[in-house]
Protein backbone atom coordinates (compact mmCIF):
# COMPACT_ATOMS: atom_id res chain seq x y z
CA MET A 1 0.00 0.00 0.00
CA LYS A 2 1.37 3.43 -0.94
CA LEU A 3 1.67 5.99 1.80
CA ALA A 4 -0.01 9.31 1.18
CA LYS A 5 2.37 12.10 0.33
CA PRO A 6 2.72 14.79 2.99
CA PRO A 7 1.08 18.12 2.20
CA ALA A 8 3.14 20.53 0.11
CA SER A 9 3.41 22.90 3.07
CA VAL A 10 5.11 20.18 5.11
CA ARG A 11 7.42 19.10 2.30
CA LEU A 12 8.54 22.64 1.58
CA GLY A 13 8.38 24.09 5.07
CA TRP A 14 11.96 23.35 6.00
CA LEU A 15 13.38 24.87 2.82
CA ASP A 16 11.23 27.98 3.12
CA ALA A 17 12.22 28.30 6.77
CA LEU A 18 15.91 28.13 5.85
CA ARG A 19 15.45 30.78 3.17
CA GLY A 20 13.68 32.99 5.67
CA ILE A 21 16.47 32.62 8.22
CA ALA A 22 19.12 33.27 5.56
CA ALA A 23 17.43 36.47 4.35
CA LEU A 24 16.94 37.64 7.92
CA ALA A 25 20.58 36.95 8.80
CA VAL A 26 21.88 38.98 5.84
CA ALA A 27 19.49 41.85 6.55
CA MET A 28 20.43 41.93 10.23
CA HIS A 29 24.12 41.73 9.42
CA HIS A 30 23.97 44.80 7.21
CA PHE A 31 21.74 46.55 9.75
CA GLY A 32 24.45 46.00 12.37
CA LEU A 33 22.32 44.00 14.79
CA LEU A 34 25.24 42.68 16.82
CA ASP A 35 26.51 46.21 17.31
CA LYS A 36 23.15 47.23 18.76
CA ILE A 37 23.01 44.46 21.37
CA PRO A 38 24.99 45.17 24.56
CA HIS A 39 28.19 43.13 24.81
CA ALA A 40 27.39 41.29 21.55
CA ALA A 41 29.72 43.26 19.26
CA PRO A 42 32.70 40.91 19.86
CA VAL A 43 30.55 38.03 18.59
CA ALA A 44 30.83 39.50 15.08
CA ARG A 45 34.53 38.65 15.10
CA TYR A 46 33.66 34.99 15.50
CA LEU A 47 30.45 34.71 13.48
CA ASP A 48 29.75 36.71 10.33
CA LEU A 49 25.96 36.76 10.01
CA GLY A 50 26.11 37.87 6.38
CA PHE A 51 28.41 35.05 5.31
CA PHE A 52 26.30 32.60 7.31
CA GLY A 53 23.13 33.73 5.52
CA VAL A 54 24.64 33.63 2.05
CA MET A 55 26.11 30.17 2.53
CA LEU A 56 22.76 28.96 3.80
CA PHE A 57 21.17 30.37 0.64
CA PHE A 58 23.75 28.55 -1.48
CA LEU A 59 23.02 25.23 0.24
CA VAL A 60 19.30 25.65 -0.43
CA SER A 61 19.95 26.58 -4.08
CA GLY A 62 22.18 23.57 -4.54
CA TYR A 63 19.45 21.36 -3.16
CA ILE A 64 16.59 22.59 -5.36
CA ILE A 65 18.03 24.03 -8.62
CA PRO A 66 19.37 20.83 -10.26
CA ALA A 67 16.20 19.04 -9.14
CA SER A 68 14.12 21.73 -10.82
CA LEU A 69 15.93 21.20 -14.13
CA GLU A 70 15.70 17.42 -13.88
CA ARG A 71 12.01 17.59 -13.04
CA ARG A 72 11.35 19.54 -16.22
CA GLY A 73 13.79 17.56 -18.33
CA ASP A 74 13.85 20.65 -20.56
CA VAL A 75 16.73 23.15 -20.56
CA ARG A 76 14.69 25.78 -22.41
CA ALA A 77 11.85 25.63 -19.89
CA PHE A 78 14.37 25.75 -17.04
CA TRP A 79 15.99 28.94 -18.34
CA THR A 80 12.65 30.57 -19.10
CA GLY A 81 11.60 29.93 -15.53
CA ARG A 82 14.86 31.25 -14.09
CA ILE A 83 14.73 34.44 -16.15
CA PHE A 84 11.16 35.26 -15.13
CA ARG A 85 11.96 34.31 -11.54
CA ILE A 86 15.00 36.55 -11.08
CA TYR A 87 15.11 39.47 -13.48
CA PRO A 88 11.81 41.26 -12.71
CA ALA A 89 12.47 41.45 -8.97
CA VAL A 90 16.05 42.63 -9.54
CA ALA A 91 14.94 45.27 -12.06
CA VAL A 92 12.25 46.62 -9.72
CA ALA A 93 14.67 46.78 -6.78
CA VAL A 94 17.26 48.71 -8.80
CA LEU A 95 14.71 51.06 -10.35
CA ALA A 96 13.08 51.72 -6.97
CA SER A 97 16.48 52.58 -5.51
CA LEU A 98 17.21 54.98 -8.37
CA LEU A 99 13.85 56.69 -7.97
CA VAL A 100 13.69 56.92 -4.18
CA LEU A 101 17.26 57.86 -3.32
CA PRO A 102 19.21 60.71 -4.95
CA ARG A 103 22.62 59.98 -6.42
CA GLY A 104 24.46 61.69 -3.59
CA ASP A 105 22.85 59.33 -1.11
CA GLN A 106 22.46 56.39 -3.39
CA ILE A 107 22.81 52.69 -2.76
CA VAL A 108 23.34 52.18 -6.50
CA GLN A 109 27.07 52.68 -6.94
CA ASP A 110 28.54 55.66 -8.78
CA PHE A 111 30.08 53.37 -11.39
CA ALA A 112 26.58 52.74 -12.74
CA PHE A 113 26.15 56.48 -13.36
CA ASP A 114 29.64 57.06 -14.74
CA HIS A 115 29.55 54.05 -17.10
CA PRO A 116 25.84 53.34 -17.63
CA VAL A 117 26.11 51.15 -20.73
CA LEU A 118 28.91 49.02 -19.29
CA SER A 119 27.15 48.70 -15.95
CA LEU A 120 23.83 47.83 -17.60
CA GLY A 121 25.50 45.18 -19.76
CA ALA A 122 27.33 43.48 -16.92
CA ASN A 123 24.47 43.72 -14.41
CA GLY A 124 22.02 42.69 -17.11
CA LEU A 125 23.93 39.44 -17.48
CA LEU A 126 23.98 39.11 -13.67
CA LEU A 127 27.68 38.35 -13.99
CA GLN A 128 28.89 41.81 -12.99
CA ASP A 129 31.27 40.92 -10.18
CA LEU A 130 32.81 38.17 -12.28
CA LEU A 131 33.27 40.67 -15.11
CA GLY A 132 35.03 43.29 -13.00
CA VAL A 133 32.02 45.62 -12.78
CA PRO A 134 30.49 46.73 -9.44
CA SER A 135 27.05 45.37 -8.67
CA ALA A 136 24.23 47.87 -9.08
CA LEU A 137 23.08 46.76 -5.63
CA GLY A 138 25.73 45.35 -3.36
CA VAL A 139 23.80 42.18 -2.54
CA MET A 140 23.60 41.28 -6.22
CA TRP A 141 27.14 39.86 -6.04
CA SER A 142 25.75 36.49 -4.94
CA LEU A 143 23.45 36.32 -7.97
CA GLY A 144 26.53 36.09 -10.20
CA TYR A 145 27.52 32.87 -8.46
CA GLU A 146 23.95 31.61 -8.65
CA MET A 147 23.97 32.31 -12.38
CA VAL A 148 27.24 30.46 -12.94
CA PHE A 149 25.85 27.55 -10.95
CA TYR A 150 22.93 27.45 -13.41
CA TYR A 151 25.51 27.40 -16.21
CA PHE A 152 27.29 24.44 -14.65
CA VAL A 153 24.07 22.56 -13.94
CA SER A 154 22.87 23.05 -17.53
CA ALA A 155 26.17 21.88 -19.00
CA LEU A 156 26.29 18.79 -16.79
CA PHE A 157 22.67 17.99 -17.61
CA VAL A 158 23.07 18.01 -21.40
CA GLN A 159 26.15 15.82 -21.08
CA GLY A 160 24.36 13.36 -18.85
CA TRP A 161 26.79 14.01 -16.00
CA HIS A 162 24.29 15.61 -13.64
CA ARG A 163 24.06 12.52 -11.41
CA HIS A 164 27.79 12.76 -10.60
CA SER A 165 27.23 15.39 -7.92
CA ALA A 166 29.45 13.78 -5.29
CA PRO A 167 32.76 13.71 -7.24
CA ILE A 168 32.07 17.23 -8.58
CA THR A 169 31.51 18.45 -5.03
CA VAL A 170 34.68 16.80 -3.77
CA GLY A 171 36.61 18.23 -6.71
CA PHE A 172 35.54 21.82 -5.99
CA ALA A 173 36.24 21.41 -2.27
CA ALA A 174 39.68 19.90 -2.88
CA ALA A 175 40.51 22.67 -5.36
CA ALA A 176 39.50 25.28 -2.78
CA LEU A 177 41.84 23.69 -0.29
CA LEU A 178 44.78 23.07 -2.63
CA ILE A 179 44.80 26.04 -5.02
CA GLY A 180 42.29 28.40 -3.43
CA ALA A 181 44.95 30.83 -2.27
CA TRP A 182 46.73 30.71 -5.62
CA LEU A 183 43.92 31.50 -8.05
CA PRO A 184 44.18 35.10 -9.31
CA ILE A 185 41.57 37.80 -8.85
CA GLY A 186 40.44 39.88 -11.80
CA THR A 187 43.19 38.92 -14.25
CA ILE A 188 41.12 39.77 -17.34
CA SER A 189 39.41 43.00 -16.31
CA VAL A 190 42.67 44.77 -15.50
CA ASP A 191 41.49 48.17 -16.76
CA LEU A 192 38.41 49.86 -18.16
CA ALA A 193 39.13 48.92 -21.78
CA ALA A 194 39.70 45.27 -20.90
CA THR A 195 36.54 45.27 -18.81
CA ARG A 196 34.51 46.63 -21.73
CA ASN A 197 35.88 43.91 -23.98
CA LEU A 198 35.15 41.21 -21.43
CA VAL A 199 31.57 42.37 -20.90
CA ALA A 200 30.97 42.53 -24.66
CA ALA A 201 32.49 39.07 -25.19
CA ALA A 202 30.49 37.56 -22.33
CA GLY A 203 27.31 39.13 -23.68
CA ILE A 204 27.87 37.63 -27.13
CA VAL A 205 28.55 34.18 -25.67
CA VAL A 206 25.49 34.26 -23.40
CA LEU A 207 23.16 35.48 -26.16
CA MET A 208 24.48 32.85 -28.55
CA ALA A 209 24.08 30.15 -25.91
CA LEU A 210 20.53 31.15 -25.00
CA ALA A 211 19.59 31.38 -28.68
CA CYS A 212 20.80 27.80 -29.13
CA ILE A 213 18.89 26.65 -26.07
CA ALA A 214 15.75 28.44 -27.29
CA THR A 215 15.62 26.20 -30.37
CA ALA A 216 15.13 23.14 -28.13
CA ARG A 217 17.06 21.09 -30.67
CA PRO A 218 19.21 18.47 -28.91
CA ASP A 219 22.44 19.39 -30.69
CA LEU A 220 22.02 23.16 -30.38
CA THR A 221 20.83 22.89 -26.78
CA ARG A 222 24.00 20.98 -25.98
CA TRP A 223 26.13 23.63 -27.67
CA GLY A 224 24.39 26.40 -25.78
CA ALA A 225 24.65 24.73 -22.39
CA LEU A 226 28.32 23.89 -22.90
CA LEU A 227 29.02 27.46 -23.96
CA LEU A 228 27.48 28.67 -20.72
CA GLY A 229 29.42 26.14 -18.68
CA GLY A 230 32.70 27.07 -20.36
CA LEU A 231 32.09 30.78 -19.83
CA GLY A 232 31.29 30.23 -16.18
CA LEU A 233 34.40 28.14 -15.59
CA ALA A 234 36.65 30.71 -17.30
CA LEU A 235 35.25 33.57 -15.23
CA VAL A 236 35.47 31.63 -11.98
CA LEU A 237 39.09 30.62 -12.54
CA LEU A 238 40.37 33.88 -14.01
CA ASN A 239 38.23 36.83 -13.00
CA SER A 240 36.45 36.14 -9.72
CA ARG A 241 35.49 39.02 -7.45
CA SER A 242 36.80 37.26 -4.38
CA THR A 243 39.53 34.91 -3.30
CA GLY A 244 39.81 31.60 -5.06
CA PHE A 245 39.15 29.62 -1.91
CA GLU A 246 35.84 31.40 -1.28
CA THR A 247 34.77 31.12 -4.92
CA LEU A 248 35.53 27.41 -5.20
CA LEU A 249 34.00 26.76 -1.78
CA ILE A 250 30.74 28.37 -2.93
CA PHE A 251 30.38 25.87 -5.76
CA ALA A 252 31.44 22.98 -3.54
CA THR A 253 28.70 24.04 -1.13
CA MET A 254 26.06 24.28 -3.85
CA PHE A 255 26.87 20.88 -5.29
CA ALA A 256 26.92 19.48 -1.76
CA GLY A 257 23.33 20.65 -1.45
CA THR A 258 22.63 18.63 -4.59
CA VAL A 259 24.31 15.61 -3.01
CA LEU A 260 21.91 15.86 -0.06
CA TYR A 261 18.97 16.03 -2.45
CA ARG A 262 20.17 12.85 -4.16
CA LEU A 263 20.65 11.19 -0.78
CA GLU A 264 17.10 12.01 0.28
CA HIS A 265 15.64 10.72 -2.99
CA ARG A 266 17.78 7.56 -2.97
CA GLN A 267 19.78 8.50 -6.02
CA LEU A 268 22.97 8.22 -3.97
CA ASP A 269 23.99 5.83 -1.20
CA ARG A 270 24.29 7.16 2.33
CA ALA A 271 28.00 6.45 2.84
CA PRO A 272 29.39 8.36 -0.18
CA ALA A 273 26.95 11.21 0.37
CA LEU A 274 27.89 11.70 4.02
CA ILE A 275 31.61 11.31 3.36
CA CYS A 276 31.35 13.87 0.56
CA CYS A 277 29.53 16.40 2.75
CA ALA A 278 31.91 15.84 5.66
CA PHE A 279 34.85 16.53 3.33
CA VAL A 280 33.24 19.76 2.11
CA ILE A 281 32.62 20.93 5.67
CA ILE A 282 36.19 20.16 6.72
CA CYS A 283 37.55 21.97 3.66
CA GLY A 284 35.30 24.96 4.32
CA VAL A 285 36.54 25.35 7.88
CA ALA A 286 40.13 24.64 6.88
CA VAL A 287 40.35 27.19 4.05
CA GLY A 288 39.06 29.83 6.42
CA TYR A 289 41.73 28.98 8.98
CA LEU A 290 44.53 28.65 6.43
CA TYR A 291 43.78 31.44 3.99
CA ASN A 292 41.26 33.96 5.31
CA ARG A 293 43.83 36.24 6.86
CA ASP A 294 45.50 39.59 6.19
CA THR A 295 44.58 40.99 2.75
CA ALA A 296 42.24 38.08 2.01
CA LEU A 297 39.84 39.62 4.53
CA TRP A 298 39.37 42.59 2.17
CA HIS A 299 37.96 40.26 -0.47
CA THR A 300 35.82 37.97 1.69
CA TRP A 301 34.46 40.96 3.66
CA THR A 302 34.77 39.01 6.90
CA PRO A 303 36.56 40.32 10.01
CA SER A 304 38.58 37.18 10.83
CA TRP A 305 39.17 33.60 9.89
CA GLN A 306 36.90 32.55 12.76
CA ALA A 307 34.03 34.64 11.41
CA PHE A 308 34.39 32.85 8.07
CA SER A 309 34.87 29.29 9.33
CA TYR A 310 32.39 29.37 12.21
CA ALA A 311 29.71 30.97 10.02
CA TYR A 312 30.25 28.28 7.40
CA LEU A 313 29.99 25.58 10.03
CA ALA A 314 26.83 27.18 11.46
CA ALA A 315 25.17 27.28 8.02
CA TRP A 316 25.81 23.57 7.58
CA ALA A 317 24.62 22.76 11.12
CA LEU A 318 21.34 24.60 10.61
CA PHE A 319 20.75 23.06 7.18
CA ALA A 320 21.42 19.55 8.53
CA ALA A 321 19.12 20.11 11.52
CA ALA A 322 16.31 21.40 9.31
CA MET A 323 16.75 18.47 6.93
CA LEU A 324 16.46 16.01 9.80
CA LEU A 325 13.23 17.75 10.85
CA ARG A 326 11.92 18.17 7.31
CA HIS A 327 8.81 16.06 7.91
CA ARG A 328 7.67 18.31 10.73
CA ARG A 329 5.73 21.51 10.40
CA PHE A 330 7.75 24.69 10.73
CA PRO A 331 6.28 27.95 12.05
CA ARG A 332 4.09 29.52 9.38
CA TRP A 333 5.62 32.96 9.91
CA LEU A 334 9.09 31.57 9.24
CA SER A 335 8.02 29.66 6.13
CA GLY A 336 6.14 32.77 5.01
CA LEU A 337 9.31 34.80 5.39
CA GLY A 338 11.02 32.23 3.21
CA THR A 339 8.53 32.70 0.39
CA ILE A 340 9.35 36.42 0.24
CA SER A 341 13.05 35.93 0.99
CA PHE A 342 14.28 36.94 -2.47
CA SER A 343 12.53 40.31 -2.30
CA VAL A 344 13.66 40.76 1.30
CA TYR A 345 17.24 40.05 0.25
CA LEU A 346 17.09 42.58 -2.59
CA LEU A 347 15.25 45.35 -0.73
CA HIS A 348 16.85 45.37 2.70
CA GLY A 349 19.77 47.53 1.54
CA PRO A 350 17.69 50.24 -0.15
CA LEU A 351 15.34 50.31 2.84
CA MET A 352 18.29 50.87 5.19
CA TYR A 353 19.38 53.85 3.10
CA VAL A 354 15.85 55.29 3.16
CA ILE A 355 15.66 54.93 6.95
CA GLY A 356 19.12 56.45 7.36
CA ARG A 357 18.17 59.41 5.20
CA GLN A 358 14.97 59.98 7.16
CA LEU A 359 16.83 59.85 10.46
CA ARG A 360 19.30 62.45 9.22
CA SER A 361 16.49 64.72 8.06
CA HIS A 362 14.22 64.16 11.05
CA PRO A 363 16.31 62.98 14.02
CA LEU A 364 14.45 60.61 16.33
CA PRO A 365 15.34 59.42 19.83
CA VAL A 366 16.89 56.09 18.85
CA ALA A 367 19.80 56.16 21.28
CA GLY A 368 19.99 53.54 23.98
CA LEU A 369 18.82 49.95 24.04
CA LYS A 370 15.11 50.80 23.88
CA GLY A 371 15.53 53.21 20.99
CA GLN A 372 17.63 50.74 19.03
CA ALA A 373 15.11 47.98 19.68
CA VAL A 374 12.27 50.15 18.36
CA LEU A 375 14.35 51.06 15.31
CA THR A 376 15.19 47.42 14.61
CA VAL A 377 11.59 46.25 14.96
CA GLY A 378 10.40 49.08 12.74
CA TYR A 379 12.99 48.23 10.13
CA LEU A 380 12.02 44.56 10.14
CA ALA A 381 8.31 45.35 9.93
CA ALA A 382 8.84 47.70 6.97
CA LEU A 383 11.12 45.16 5.30
CA VAL A 384 8.52 42.39 5.57
CA VAL A 385 5.81 44.69 4.20
CA PHE A 386 7.86 45.80 1.21
CA GLY A 387 9.13 42.27 0.64
CA TYR A 388 5.57 40.95 0.64
CA LEU A 389 4.40 43.67 -1.76
CA SER A 390 7.28 42.90 -4.12
CA TYR A 391 6.51 39.20 -3.93
CA ARG A 392 2.79 39.64 -4.62
CA LEU A 393 3.03 42.42 -7.21
CA VAL A 394 6.25 41.49 -9.01
CA GLU A 395 7.46 37.96 -8.32
CA ILE A 396 4.20 36.02 -8.56
CA PRO A 397 2.81 37.78 -11.67
CA PHE A 398 6.06 37.37 -13.57
CA GLN A 399 6.47 33.75 -12.51
CA ASN A 400 2.96 33.08 -13.78
CA LEU A 401 3.81 34.93 -16.98
CA GLY A 402 6.91 32.76 -17.33
CA ARG A 403 4.80 29.61 -17.10
CA ARG A 404 2.42 30.92 -19.75
CA VAL A 405 5.34 31.86 -22.00
CA THR A 406 6.83 28.40 -21.58
CA LYS A 407 3.55 26.72 -22.53
CA ALA A 408 3.03 29.05 -25.50
CA VAL A 409 6.56 28.51 -26.80
CA ASN A 410 6.27 24.75 -26.40
CA ARG A 411 3.02 24.78 -28.38
CA ARG A 412 4.39 27.02 -31.12
CA PHE A 413 7.89 25.58 -31.23
CA PRO A 414 7.78 22.08 -29.76
CA ALA A 415 11.02 20.48 -28.71
CA ALA A 416 12.59 18.24 -31.33
CA ASP A 417 12.59 14.50 -30.77
CA GLY A 418 15.22 13.61 -28.21
CA ALA A 419 15.52 17.16 -26.87
CA ARG A 420 13.87 16.17 -23.64
CA VAL A 421 15.33 13.61 -21.29
CA GLU A 422 13.81 11.28 -18.77
CA ARG A 423 12.28 13.17 -15.89
CA VAL A 424 13.49 12.56 -12.38
CA PRO A 425 10.62 12.21 -9.88
CA LEU A 426 10.50 15.20 -7.58
CA ALA A 427 8.83 14.87 -4.25
CA SER A 428 8.45 18.60 -3.67
CA ARG A 429 7.25 21.61 -5.62
CA LEU A 430 10.27 23.69 -6.70
């Protein structure tokens, strides 16, 4: 007799809860929460909340993104969904920042005003930090790594290598440990002219690749996906925004999330999966201890090796605990925060600038513990409201539009025979 599947809210609750915690951690890190709590400031030297939140996001992405592609079995549909999922919310966040805050007090960096075409091209690809161009919004740096992960996942999928998550994970982790301190930073975008050339070249490659994928022909889809994978690998190895050990560790972490997905769905035996994840965790802590010192701190934006390593360990501990409790119901408010986490992540910076500007124009009594507590609660309440509005008015409509576009394209231009591959059963809605 088949057991009834748990409700979708139960199956997804743990992932939504983790996304909510990750978004909250990043927002509170940038808001300076630990500096506002008495005697808590020294904790920041041993636990970087921002790094913790981002690594937790990467684990969640690694768990669900490859599964999403495999569920569809269609690279074109996958990319259509990703584009409608990410770009509208990013565009609205950037435009809102430009409209609400003047340039002199602007969260959008001056580079975007001084070099608008270059900035638009690089940020439009969502590869800006890997192309040597500042992010329009500071938090967008992580989207570049998300995008390259999509490139890698697509390339592995068309080659039929997507099930080899464990050795890929181990390879990235070992590379972070062995050559992470050696990999160069920004070796292509050495000056403005070189940066322009790199952005133009990357744009041509991405457009060519997506055009090939849009045909849904097996041969052209393979070309397109491999072009994306090759571009991502070149940028990661030669022009990363951060240290090599952090960059390689990010991809090891994402693919480790995929390993855990395969473990849960019995696509991978327990022993290799657990050994793989243990190796990644050890490498993550070790590279922080070995390499995240002196000038490396300027690139990882962490205050010490402990802040890097302990935050990484904490992200893994929380993910593992949530996974063990995945069949239980999580608090609805926390899962709800997870559903709006992308908008919260994008909007928390602009909102901080708006609040700061208002406080400078109309000083309020926010000194002392009580005043700081009121300010923090007000900030969080406003952030949730704006995040919810962005989710309801931007994210959901465009995601629905993306589904309609996918169906219309598939009807008008059906995939050629053999373009789709066998679907992998997916126990949760992604």
